[in-house]
Amino acid sequence: MEREITQVFLAEDEMQAGMVIAAFEEAGIPVLKKTRGSDGLSMIYGFRPILGIELYTAKEDEERAVEILLGLGLLNESEEKSGKLPLVSI
């Protein structure tokens, strides 16, 4: 069965991505992670990915993922109500 995926968050670094991934997995939401930029090469040498880390969930899990991001303080109510998720958290 094919599932449509959607980007729900752009993490600043590996630590933030790990925190979000752990929260999603604890809630039973599968998540895919993609490092932007140099295809993860910078991670091999210990550098922070300059362009961030994209996190994706299945489209049907998007609403629950947004609730988790709100709970973690990585998304605010006005962004959630506008329907436009921030893809950068600074």
PDB file of N, CA and C in Angstrom:
ATOM      1  N   MET A   1       0.833  -1.177   0.000  1.00  0.00           N
ATOM      2  CA  MET A   1       0.000   0.000   0.000  1.00  0.00           C
ATOM      3  C   MET A   1       0.885   1.249   0.000  1.00  0.00           C
ATOM      4  N   GLU A   2       0.661   2.113  -0.971  1.00  0.00           N
ATOM      5  CA  GLU A   2       1.427   3.351  -1.051  1.00  0.00           C
ATOM      6  C   GLU A   2       0.780   4.414  -0.179  1.00  0.00           C
ATOM      7  N   ARG A   3       1.646   5.184   0.481  1.00  0.00           N
ATOM      8  CA  ARG A   3       1.154   6.271   1.341  1.00  0.00           C
ATOM      9  C   ARG A   3       1.800   7.568   0.880  1.00  0.00           C
ATOM     10  N   GLU A   4       0.988   8.606   0.792  1.00  0.00           N
ATOM     11  CA  GLU A   4       1.503   9.925   0.434  1.00  0.00           C
ATOM     12  C   GLU A   4       2.227  10.495   1.642  1.00  0.00           C
ATOM     13  N   ILE A   5       3.414  11.081   1.402  1.00  0.00           N
ATOM     14  CA  ILE A   5       4.141  11.689   2.508  1.00  0.00           C
ATOM     15  C   ILE A   5       4.155  13.203   2.347  1.00  0.00           C
ATOM     16  N   THR A   6       4.365  13.876   3.468  1.00  0.00           N
ATOM     17  CA  THR A   6       4.411  15.336   3.461  1.00  0.00           C
ATOM     18  C   THR A   6       5.490  15.807   4.427  1.00  0.00           C
ATOM     19  N   GLN A   7       6.175  16.885   4.049  1.00  0.00           N
ATOM     20  CA  GLN A   7       7.181  17.454   4.945  1.00  0.00           C
ATOM     21  C   GLN A   7       6.450  18.211   6.042  1.00  0.00           C
ATOM     22  N   VAL A   8       6.776  17.879   7.297  1.00  0.00           N
ATOM     23  CA  VAL A   8       6.106  18.536   8.418  1.00  0.00           C
ATOM     24  C   VAL A   8       7.014  19.482   9.185  1.00  0.00           C
ATOM     25  N   PHE A   9       8.332  19.340   9.007  1.00  0.00           N
ATOM     26  CA  PHE A   9       9.234  20.185   9.782  1.00  0.00           C
ATOM     27  C   PHE A   9      10.608  20.208   9.145  1.00  0.00           C
ATOM     28  N   LEU A  10      11.312  21.313   9.321  1.00  0.00           N
ATOM     29  CA  LEU A  10      12.711  21.438   8.926  1.00  0.00           C
ATOM     30  C   LEU A  10      13.502  21.746  10.184  1.00  0.00           C
ATOM     31  N   ALA A  11      14.216  20.753  10.677  1.00  0.00           N
ATOM     32  CA  ALA A  11      14.996  20.914  11.908  1.00  0.00           C
ATOM     33  C   ALA A  11      16.287  21.664  11.628  1.00  0.00           C
ATOM     34  N   GLU A  12      16.735  22.413  12.623  1.00  0.00           N
ATOM     35  CA  GLU A  12      17.968  23.186  12.501  1.00  0.00           C
ATOM     36  C   GLU A  12      19.202  22.296  12.520  1.00  0.00           C
ATOM     37  N   ASP A  13      19.157  21.247  13.345  1.00  0.00           N
ATOM     38  CA  ASP A  13      20.331  20.403  13.515  1.00  0.00           C
ATOM     39  C   ASP A  13      19.916  18.990  13.923  1.00  0.00           C
ATOM     40  N   GLU A  14      20.901  18.133  14.071  1.00  0.00           N
ATOM     41  CA  GLU A  14      20.661  16.733  14.397  1.00  0.00           C
ATOM     42  C   GLU A  14      19.986  16.570  15.765  1.00  0.00           C
ATOM     43  N   MET A  15      20.332  17.418  16.724  1.00  0.00           N
ATOM     44  CA  MET A  15      19.740  17.324  18.057  1.00  0.00           C
ATOM     45  C   MET A  15      18.239  17.622  18.013  1.00  0.00           C
ATOM     46  N   GLN A  16      17.871  18.692  17.325  1.00  0.00           N
ATOM     47  CA  GLN A  16      16.458  19.048  17.216  1.00  0.00           C
ATOM     48  C   GLN A  16      15.702  17.983  16.428  1.00  0.00           C
ATOM     49  N   ALA A  17      16.291  17.493  15.353  1.00  0.00           N
ATOM     50  CA  ALA A  17      15.658  16.433  14.562  1.00  0.00           C
ATOM     51  C   ALA A  17      15.446  15.193  15.424  1.00  0.00           C
ATOM     52  N   GLY A  18      16.445  14.822  16.211  1.00  0.00           N
ATOM     53  CA  GLY A  18      16.340  13.649  17.076  1.00  0.00           C
ATOM     54  C   GLY A  18      15.222  13.784  18.100  1.00  0.00           C
ATOM     55  N   MET A  19      15.066  14.986  18.653  1.00  0.00           N
ATOM     56  CA  MET A  19      14.007  15.238  19.632  1.00  0.00           C
ATOM     57  C   MET A  19      12.627  15.056  18.989  1.00  0.00           C
ATOM     58  N   VAL A  20      12.458  15.599  17.791  1.00  0.00           N
ATOM     59  CA  VAL A  20      11.174  15.498  17.099  1.00  0.00           C
ATOM     60  C   VAL A  20      10.917  14.050  16.673  1.00  0.00           C
ATOM     61  N   ILE A  21      11.920  13.392  16.140  1.00  0.00           N
ATOM     62  CA  ILE A  21      11.772  11.997  15.713  1.00  0.00           C
ATOM     63  C   ILE A  21      11.377  11.115  16.895  1.00  0.00           C
ATOM     64  N   ALA A  22      12.024  11.307  18.033  1.00  0.00           N
ATOM     65  CA  ALA A  22      11.691  10.516  19.224  1.00  0.00           C
ATOM     66  C   ALA A  22      10.238  10.734  19.645  1.00  0.00           C
ATOM     67  N   ALA A  23       9.782  11.989  19.600  1.00  0.00           N
ATOM     68  CA  ALA A  23       8.397  12.296  19.983  1.00  0.00           C
ATOM     69  C   ALA A  23       7.412  11.671  18.999  1.00  0.00           C
ATOM     70  N   PHE A  24       7.731  11.738  17.705  1.00  0.00           N
ATOM     71  CA  PHE A  24       6.861  11.128  16.693  1.00  0.00           C
ATOM     72  C   PHE A  24       6.802   9.614  16.884  1.00  0.00           C
ATOM     73  N   GLU A  25       7.953   8.994  17.056  1.00  0.00           N
ATOM     74  CA  GLU A  25       7.992   7.541  17.207  1.00  0.00           C
ATOM     75  C   GLU A  25       7.270   7.087  18.479  1.00  0.00           C
ATOM     76  N   GLU A  26       7.398   7.863  19.545  1.00  0.00           N
ATOM     77  CA  GLU A  26       6.691   7.540  20.793  1.00  0.00           C
ATOM     78  C   GLU A  26       5.168   7.566  20.581  1.00  0.00           C
ATOM     79  N   ALA A  27       4.721   8.442  19.672  1.00  0.00           N
ATOM     80  CA  ALA A  27       3.290   8.549  19.364  1.00  0.00           C
ATOM     81  C   ALA A  27       2.860   7.560  18.277  1.00  0.00           C
ATOM     82  N   GLY A  28       3.804   6.752  17.809  1.00  0.00           N
ATOM     83  CA  GLY A  28       3.482   5.768  16.781  1.00  0.00           C
ATOM     84  C   GLY A  28       3.408   6.343  15.378  1.00  0.00           C
ATOM     85  N   ILE A  29       4.091   7.475  15.162  1.00  0.00           N
ATOM     86  CA  ILE A  29       4.092   8.114  13.845  1.00  0.00           C
ATOM     87  C   ILE A  29       5.425   7.812  13.158  1.00  0.00           C
ATOM     88  N   PRO A  30       5.400   7.031  12.070  1.00  0.00           N
ATOM     89  CA  PRO A  30       6.641   6.794  11.321  1.00  0.00           C
ATOM     90  C   PRO A  30       7.142   8.103  10.723  1.00  0.00           C
ATOM     91  N   VAL A  31       8.457   8.268  10.689  1.00  0.00           N
ATOM     92  CA  VAL A  31       9.035   9.513  10.190  1.00  0.00           C
ATOM     93  C   VAL A  31      10.236   9.203   9.298  1.00  0.00           C
ATOM     94  N   LEU A  32      10.367   9.985   8.240  1.00  0.00           N
ATOM     95  CA  LEU A  32      11.525   9.905   7.359  1.00  0.00           C
ATOM     96  C   LEU A  32      12.360  11.154   7.562  1.00  0.00           C
ATOM     97  N   LYS A  33      13.683  10.991   7.492  1.00  0.00           N
ATOM     98  CA  LYS A  33      14.607  12.107   7.700  1.00  0.00           C
ATOM     99  C   LYS A  33      15.484  12.256   6.471  1.00  0.00           C
ATOM    100  N   LYS A  34      15.644  13.506   6.006  1.00  0.00           N
ATOM    101  CA  LYS A  34      16.509  13.789   4.864  1.00  0.00           C
ATOM    102  C   LYS A  34      17.353  15.013   5.174  1.00  0.00           C
ATOM    103  N   THR A  35      18.667  14.847   5.109  1.00  0.00           N
ATOM    104  CA  THR A  35      19.577  15.972   5.337  1.00  0.00           C
ATOM    105  C   THR A  35      19.671  16.788   4.063  1.00  0.00           C
ATOM    106  N   ARG A  36      19.452  18.086   4.177  1.00  0.00           N
ATOM    107  CA  ARG A  36      19.542  18.986   3.025  1.00  0.00           C
ATOM    108  C   ARG A  36      21.000  19.317   2.744  1.00  0.00           C
ATOM    109  N   GLY A  37      21.257  19.659   1.506  1.00  0.00           N
ATOM    110  CA  GLY A  37      22.586  20.167   1.175  1.00  0.00           C
ATOM    111  C   GLY A  37      23.505  19.104   0.628  1.00  0.00           C
ATOM    112  N   SER A  38      24.586  18.872   1.328  1.00  0.00           N
ATOM    113  CA  SER A  38      25.673  18.046   0.809  1.00  0.00           C
ATOM    114  C   SER A  38      25.451  16.552   1.010  1.00  0.00           C
ATOM    115  N   ASP A  39      24.214  16.109   0.903  1.00  0.00           N
ATOM    116  CA  ASP A  39      23.867  14.691   1.010  1.00  0.00           C
ATOM    117  C   ASP A  39      24.434  14.025   2.258  1.00  0.00           C
ATOM    118  N   GLY A  40      24.497  14.777   3.346  1.00  0.00           N
ATOM    119  CA  GLY A  40      24.959  14.206   4.599  1.00  0.00           C
ATOM    120  C   GLY A  40      26.463  14.145   4.731  1.00  0.00           C
ATOM    121  N   LEU A  41      27.209  14.560   3.701  1.00  0.00           N
ATOM    122  CA  LEU A  41      28.666  14.499   3.753  1.00  0.00           C
ATOM    123  C   LEU A  41      29.213  15.313   4.922  1.00  0.00           C
ATOM    124  N   SER A  42      28.595  16.472   5.187  1.00  0.00           N
ATOM    125  CA  SER A  42      29.066  17.306   6.289  1.00  0.00           C
ATOM    126  C   SER A  42      28.913  16.596   7.635  1.00  0.00           C
ATOM    127  N   MET A  43      27.902  15.721   7.752  1.00  0.00           N
ATOM    128  CA  MET A  43      27.682  15.004   9.002  1.00  0.00           C
ATOM    129  C   MET A  43      28.821  14.030   9.287  1.00  0.00           C
ATOM    130  N   ILE A  44      29.419  13.484   8.227  1.00  0.00           N
ATOM    131  CA  ILE A  44      30.536  12.549   8.394  1.00  0.00           C
ATOM    132  C   ILE A  44      31.689  13.249   9.094  1.00  0.00           C
ATOM    133  N   TYR A  45      31.908  14.494   8.757  1.00  0.00           N
ATOM    134  CA  TYR A  45      33.011  15.255   9.329  1.00  0.00           C
ATOM    135  C   TYR A  45      32.621  16.033  10.584  1.00  0.00           C
ATOM    136  N   GLY A  46      31.403  15.841  11.060  1.00  0.00           N
ATOM    137  CA  GLY A  46      30.979  16.452  12.307  1.00  0.00           C
ATOM    138  C   GLY A  46      30.464  17.868  12.200  1.00  0.00           C
ATOM    139  N   PHE A  47      30.199  18.341  10.996  1.00  0.00           N
ATOM    140  CA  PHE A  47      29.685  19.691  10.827  1.00  0.00           C
ATOM    141  C   PHE A  47      28.166  19.687  10.864  1.00  0.00           C
ATOM    142  N   ARG A  48      27.616  20.798  11.285  1.00  0.00           N
ATOM    143  CA  ARG A  48      26.158  20.973  11.311  1.00  0.00           C
ATOM    144  C   ARG A  48      25.647  21.144   9.884  1.00  0.00           C
ATOM    145  N   PRO A  49      24.553  20.456   9.515  1.00  0.00           N
ATOM    146  CA  PRO A  49      24.003  20.653   8.174  1.00  0.00           C
ATOM    147  C   PRO A  49      23.484  22.086   8.026  1.00  0.00           C
ATOM    148  N   ILE A  50      24.048  22.823   7.108  1.00  0.00           N
ATOM    149  CA  ILE A  50      23.728  24.237   6.949  1.00  0.00           C
ATOM    150  C   ILE A  50      22.274  24.448   6.553  1.00  0.00           C
ATOM    151  N   LEU A  51      21.745  23.588   5.728  1.00  0.00           N
ATOM    152  CA  LEU A  51      20.406  23.790   5.192  1.00  0.00           C
ATOM    153  C   LEU A  51      19.327  23.057   5.975  1.00  0.00           C
ATOM    154  N   GLY A  52      19.675  22.374   7.042  1.00  0.00           N
ATOM    155  CA  GLY A  52      18.690  21.738   7.893  1.00  0.00           C
ATOM    156  C   GLY A  52      18.415  20.285   7.566  1.00  0.00           C
ATOM    157  N   ILE A  53      17.502  19.720   8.327  1.00  0.00           N
ATOM    158  CA  ILE A  53      17.120  18.317   8.184  1.00  0.00           C
ATOM    159  C   ILE A  53      15.606  18.266   8.013  1.00  0.00           C
ATOM    160  N   GLU A  54      15.171  17.759   6.865  1.00  0.00           N
ATOM    161  CA  GLU A  54      13.745  17.672   6.560  1.00  0.00           C
ATOM    162  C   GLU A  54      13.151  16.443   7.232  1.00  0.00           C
ATOM    163  N   LEU A  55      11.981  16.613   7.847  1.00  0.00           N
ATOM    164  CA  LEU A  55      11.268  15.500   8.462  1.00  0.00           C
ATOM    165  C   LEU A  55       9.927  15.330   7.761  1.00  0.00           C
ATOM    166  N   TYR A  56       9.632  14.100   7.377  1.00  0.00           N
ATOM    167  CA  TYR A  56       8.416  13.768   6.646  1.00  0.00           C
ATOM    168  C   TYR A  56       7.597  12.741   7.409  1.00  0.00           C
ATOM    169  N   THR A  57       6.271  12.854   7.305  1.00  0.00           N
ATOM    170  CA  THR A  57       5.364  11.839   7.841  1.00  0.00           C
ATOM    171  C   THR A  57       4.348  11.502   6.756  1.00  0.00           C
ATOM    172  N   ALA A  58       3.590  10.441   6.984  1.00  0.00           N
ATOM    173  CA  ALA A  58       2.486  10.123   6.077  1.00  0.00           C
ATOM    174  C   ALA A  58       1.451  11.236   6.182  1.00  0.00           C
ATOM    175  N   LYS A  59       0.804  11.529   5.079  1.00  0.00           N
ATOM    176  CA  LYS A  59      -0.194  12.602   5.039  1.00  0.00           C
ATOM    177  C   LYS A  59      -1.257  12.413   6.121  1.00  0.00           C
ATOM    178  N   GLU A  60      -1.668  11.156   6.358  1.00  0.00           N
ATOM    179  CA  GLU A  60      -2.716  10.920   7.356  1.00  0.00           C
ATOM    180  C   GLU A  60      -2.231  11.146   8.794  1.00  0.00           C
ATOM    181  N   ASP A  61      -0.919  11.229   9.001  1.00  0.00           N
ATOM    182  CA  ASP A  61      -0.367  11.491  10.337  1.00  0.00           C
ATOM    183  C   ASP A  61      -0.009  12.962  10.553  1.00  0.00           C
ATOM    184  N   GLU A  62      -0.214  13.785   9.527  1.00  0.00           N
ATOM    185  CA  GLU A  62       0.204  15.190   9.589  1.00  0.00           C
ATOM    186  C   GLU A  62      -0.440  15.949  10.752  1.00  0.00           C
ATOM    187  N   GLU A  63      -1.723  15.769  10.963  1.00  0.00           N
ATOM    188  CA  GLU A  63      -2.412  16.505  12.029  1.00  0.00           C
ATOM    189  C   GLU A  63      -1.843  16.146  13.406  1.00  0.00           C
ATOM    190  N   ARG A  64      -1.614  14.859  13.651  1.00  0.00           N
ATOM    191  CA  ARG A  64      -1.029  14.448  14.938  1.00  0.00           C
ATOM    192  C   ARG A  64       0.401  14.964  15.074  1.00  0.00           C
ATOM    193  N   ALA A  65       1.149  14.993  13.963  1.00  0.00           N
ATOM    194  CA  ALA A  65       2.515  15.511  13.990  1.00  0.00           C
ATOM    195  C   ALA A  65       2.522  16.994  14.362  1.00  0.00           C
ATOM    196  N   VAL A  66       1.576  17.753  13.806  1.00  0.00           N
ATOM    197  CA  VAL A  66       1.461  19.178  14.126  1.00  0.00           C
ATOM    198  C   VAL A  66       1.152  19.368  15.608  1.00  0.00           C
ATOM    199  N   GLU A  67       0.278  18.543  16.166  1.00  0.00           N
ATOM    200  CA  GLU A  67      -0.036  18.628  17.594  1.00  0.00           C
ATOM    201  C   GLU A  67       1.220  18.386  18.437  1.00  0.00           C
ATOM    202  N   ILE A  68       2.044  17.448  18.017  1.00  0.00           N
ATOM    203  CA  ILE A  68       3.285  17.170  18.745  1.00  0.00           C
ATOM    204  C   ILE A  68       4.239  18.359  18.642  1.00  0.00           C
ATOM    205  N   LEU A  69       4.362  18.939  17.441  1.00  0.00           N
ATOM    206  CA  LEU A  69       5.228  20.115  17.267  1.00  0.00           C
ATOM    207  C   LEU A  69       4.751  21.281  18.129  1.00  0.00           C
ATOM    208  N   LEU A  70       3.428  21.449  18.236  1.00  0.00           N
ATOM    209  CA  LEU A  70       2.880  22.486  19.121  1.00  0.00           C
ATOM    210  C   LEU A  70       3.273  22.205  20.570  1.00  0.00           C
ATOM    211  N   GLY A  71       3.139  20.950  20.981  1.00  0.00           N
ATOM    212  CA  GLY A  71       3.476  20.560  22.349  1.00  0.00           C
ATOM    213  C   GLY A  71       4.945  20.741  22.679  1.00  0.00           C
ATOM    214  N   LEU A  72       5.802  20.579  21.674  1.00  0.00           N
ATOM    215  CA  LEU A  72       7.245  20.761  21.872  1.00  0.00           C
ATOM    216  C   LEU A  72       7.653  22.231  21.801  1.00  0.00           C
ATOM    217  N   GLY A  73       6.710  23.092  21.436  1.00  0.00           N
ATOM    218  CA  GLY A  73       7.014  24.522  21.331  1.00  0.00           C
ATOM    219  C   GLY A  73       7.760  24.878  20.055  1.00  0.00           C
ATOM    220  N   LEU A  74       7.703  24.005  19.051  1.00  0.00           N
ATOM    221  CA  LEU A  74       8.401  24.252  17.791  1.00  0.00           C
ATOM    222  C   LEU A  74       7.486  24.834  16.731  1.00  0.00           C
ATOM    223  N   LEU A  75       6.238  25.031  17.102  1.00  0.00           N
ATOM    224  CA  LEU A  75       5.232  25.583  16.212  1.00  0.00           C
ATOM    225  C   LEU A  75       4.287  26.391  17.081  1.00  0.00           C
ATOM    226  N   ASN A  76       3.846  27.548  16.580  1.00  0.00           N
ATOM    227  CA  ASN A  76       2.896  28.307  17.384  1.00  0.00           C
ATOM    228  C   ASN A  76       1.494  28.213  16.796  1.00  0.00           C
ATOM    229  N   GLU A  77       0.502  28.577  17.577  1.00  0.00           N
ATOM    230  CA  GLU A  77      -0.904  28.425  17.202  1.00  0.00           C
ATOM    231  C   GLU A  77      -1.243  29.147  15.901  1.00  0.00           C
ATOM    232  N   SER A  78      -0.712  30.351  15.684  1.00  0.00           N
ATOM    233  CA  SER A  78      -1.066  31.106  14.482  1.00  0.00           C
ATOM    234  C   SER A  78      -0.535  30.411  13.231  1.00  0.00           C
ATOM    235  N   GLU A  79       0.632  29.793  13.314  1.00  0.00           N
ATOM    236  CA  GLU A  79       1.168  29.064  12.172  1.00  0.00           C
ATOM    237  C   GLU A  79       0.313  27.836  11.884  1.00  0.00           C
ATOM    238  N   GLU A  80      -0.125  27.176  12.929  1.00  0.00           N
ATOM    239  CA  GLU A  80      -0.937  25.970  12.777  1.00  0.00           C
ATOM    240  C   GLU A  80      -2.296  26.310  12.172  1.00  0.00           C
ATOM    241  N   LYS A  81      -2.915  27.396  12.623  1.00  0.00           N
ATOM    242  CA  LYS A  81      -4.243  27.787  12.127  1.00  0.00           C
ATOM    243  C   LYS A  81      -4.198  28.310  10.703  1.00  0.00           C
ATOM    244  N   SER A  82      -3.062  28.883  10.297  1.00  0.00           N
ATOM    245  CA  SER A  82      -2.949  29.407   8.937  1.00  0.00           C
ATOM    246  C   SER A  82      -2.821  28.294   7.916  1.00  0.00           C
ATOM    247  N   GLY A  83      -2.503  27.084   8.401  1.00  0.00           N
ATOM    248  CA  GLY A  83      -2.326  25.966   7.487  1.00  0.00           C
ATOM    249  C   GLY A  83      -0.960  25.940   6.848  1.00  0.00           C
ATOM    250  N   LYS A  84      -0.131  26.925   7.177  1.00  0.00           N
ATOM    251  CA  LYS A  84       1.222  26.962   6.649  1.00  0.00           C
ATOM    252  C   LYS A  84       2.192  26.604   7.753  1.00  0.00           C
ATOM    253  N   LEU A  85       2.745  25.430   7.660  1.00  0.00           N
ATOM    254  CA  LEU A  85       3.701  24.987   8.671  1.00  0.00           C
ATOM    255  C   LEU A  85       5.041  25.657   8.417  1.00  0.00           C
ATOM    256  N   PRO A  86       5.715  26.082   9.459  1.00  0.00           N
ATOM    257  CA  PRO A  86       7.044  26.653   9.256  1.00  0.00           C
ATOM    258  C   PRO A  86       7.999  25.523   8.912  1.00  0.00           C
ATOM    259  N   LEU A  87       8.736  25.716   7.883  1.00  0.00           N
ATOM    260  CA  LEU A  87       9.697  24.687   7.511  1.00  0.00           C
ATOM    261  C   LEU A  87      11.092  25.051   7.992  1.00  0.00           C
ATOM    262  N   VAL A  88      11.172  26.132   8.741  1.00  0.00           N
ATOM    263  CA  VAL A  88      12.419  26.493   9.392  1.00  0.00           C
ATOM    264  C   VAL A  88      12.082  26.942  10.803  1.00  0.00           C
ATOM    265  N   SER A  89      12.791  26.420  11.773  1.00  0.00           N
ATOM    266  CA  SER A  89      12.572  26.808  13.166  1.00  0.00           C
ATOM    267  C   SER A  89      13.822  27.508  13.654  1.00  0.00           C
ATOM    268  N   ILE A  90      13.714  28.830  13.856  1.00  0.00           N
ATOM    269  CA  ILE A  90      14.881  29.598  14.307  1.00  0.00           C
ATOM    270  C   ILE A  90      14.550  30.334  15.568  1.00  0.00           C
TER     271      ILE A  90
END
